[in-house]
Each structure stands twice: as C-alpha cells, then as structure tokens.
Protein backbone atom coordinates (compact mmCIF):
# COMPACT_ATOMS: atom_id res chain seq x y z
CA MET A 1 0.00 0.00 0.00
CA GLU A 2 2.96 2.30 0.63
CA ASP A 3 3.75 2.25 -3.10
CA LEU A 4 0.19 3.26 -3.89
CA ASN A 5 0.38 6.18 -1.46
CA LYS A 6 3.67 7.31 -2.98
CA LYS A 7 2.29 6.95 -6.51
CA ALA A 8 -0.81 8.98 -5.65
CA LYS A 9 1.37 11.84 -4.44
CA GLU A 10 3.64 11.60 -7.47
CA MET A 11 0.66 11.70 -9.83
CA ARG A 12 -0.84 14.69 -8.03
CA GLU A 13 2.44 16.57 -8.16
CA ALA A 14 2.99 15.66 -11.83
CA ALA A 15 -0.41 17.17 -12.57
CA GLY A 16 0.76 20.34 -10.81
CA LEU A 17 -1.98 20.17 -8.20
CA THR A 18 -1.95 20.94 -4.52
CA GLN A 19 -3.67 18.63 -2.07
CA SER A 20 -6.40 21.26 -1.74
CA GLU A 21 -7.00 21.44 -5.49
CA LEU A 22 -7.22 17.68 -5.81
CA ALA A 23 -9.48 17.43 -2.78
CA ARG A 24 -11.81 20.07 -4.20
CA ALA A 25 -11.97 18.22 -7.54
CA MET A 26 -12.77 14.95 -5.73
CA CYS A 27 -15.22 16.52 -3.28
CA VAL A 28 -13.23 15.37 -0.25
CA ALA A 29 -11.38 17.24 2.49
CA ARG A 30 -7.73 18.20 1.95
CA GLU A 31 -6.93 16.20 5.05
CA THR A 32 -8.32 13.09 3.35
CA VAL A 33 -5.88 13.48 0.46
CA ALA A 34 -3.04 14.07 2.93
CA ARG A 35 -3.95 10.92 4.85
CA TRP A 36 -4.05 8.86 1.66
CA GLU A 37 -0.64 10.14 0.61
CA THR A 38 0.96 9.48 3.98
CA GLY A 39 -0.72 6.12 4.48
CA GLN A 40 -2.55 7.23 7.62
CA THR A 41 -5.78 5.91 6.12
CA LYS A 42 -6.47 3.30 3.50
CA THR A 43 -8.57 4.21 0.54
CA SER A 44 -11.17 2.07 -1.14
CA LYS A 45 -10.88 0.72 -4.66
CA ALA A 46 -13.61 3.14 -5.67
CA ASN A 47 -11.63 6.10 -4.33
CA ILE A 48 -8.46 4.89 -6.05
CA HIS A 49 -10.43 4.73 -9.30
CA HIS A 50 -11.91 8.19 -8.70
CA LEU A 51 -8.46 9.58 -7.82
CA THR A 52 -6.94 8.18 -11.01
CA LEU A 53 -9.73 9.46 -13.23
CA THR A 54 -9.66 12.89 -11.58
CA LEU A 55 -5.91 13.23 -12.05
CA LEU A 56 -6.08 12.07 -15.67
CA HIS A 57 -8.95 14.45 -16.40
CA MET A 58 -7.21 17.42 -14.79
CA LYS A 59 -3.90 16.67 -16.54
CA ALA A 60 -5.69 16.42 -19.89
CA ALA A 61 -7.51 19.70 -19.25
CA GLN A 62 -4.20 21.42 -18.50
CA GLU A 63 -2.66 20.08 -21.70
CA ILE A 64 -5.66 21.19 -23.77
CA ALA A 65 -5.49 24.66 -22.24
CA ALA A 66 -1.76 24.87 -23.02
CA LEU A 67 -2.38 23.85 -26.64
CA HIS A 68 -5.16 26.41 -26.94
CA GLN A 69 -2.84 29.16 -25.73
CA GLU A 70 -0.08 27.99 -28.06
CA PHE A 71 -2.31 28.20 -31.12
CA ASN A 72 -4.36 31.21 -30.01
CA PRO A 73 -1.92 33.66 -28.41
C-alpha cells in the first residue's frame, strides 16, 4: 500500500496540483488526500479509481489549455 500512497502523491504533483485542489476536484477534504498520501488511512478501490480518473482528467484539461494558448496567443 505504501507504493500506492507514494504513486498517488507523485501523480498529483505531476499534474501540478496541490492537495487542496485535488481534494476540491474529488469533493473530499484536503486532510483526506493528505492521509491517503501518507498512508494514515487506506482508501477504497472506488476512491483509487476516482483519484486516477480525476488526475487524468485534470492533466488532460491542462494540456488542452496549453495547446489552446499555443495556437491562439
């Protein structure tokens, strides 16, 4: 589970998100995200799925916004 906690943090940071931003997107408290990342609490399979989809969605949105700015300065 420690690897999963570490990976969740790495993915969040790679997306350029704070714990607060990710928590807001997932409709959970910032403390919940912090506990997942530190391993203080275990997360369900459903939350892992939601976390992954949220991070992928937010990363894709950032990339689309960057492309839009590149082609429409």
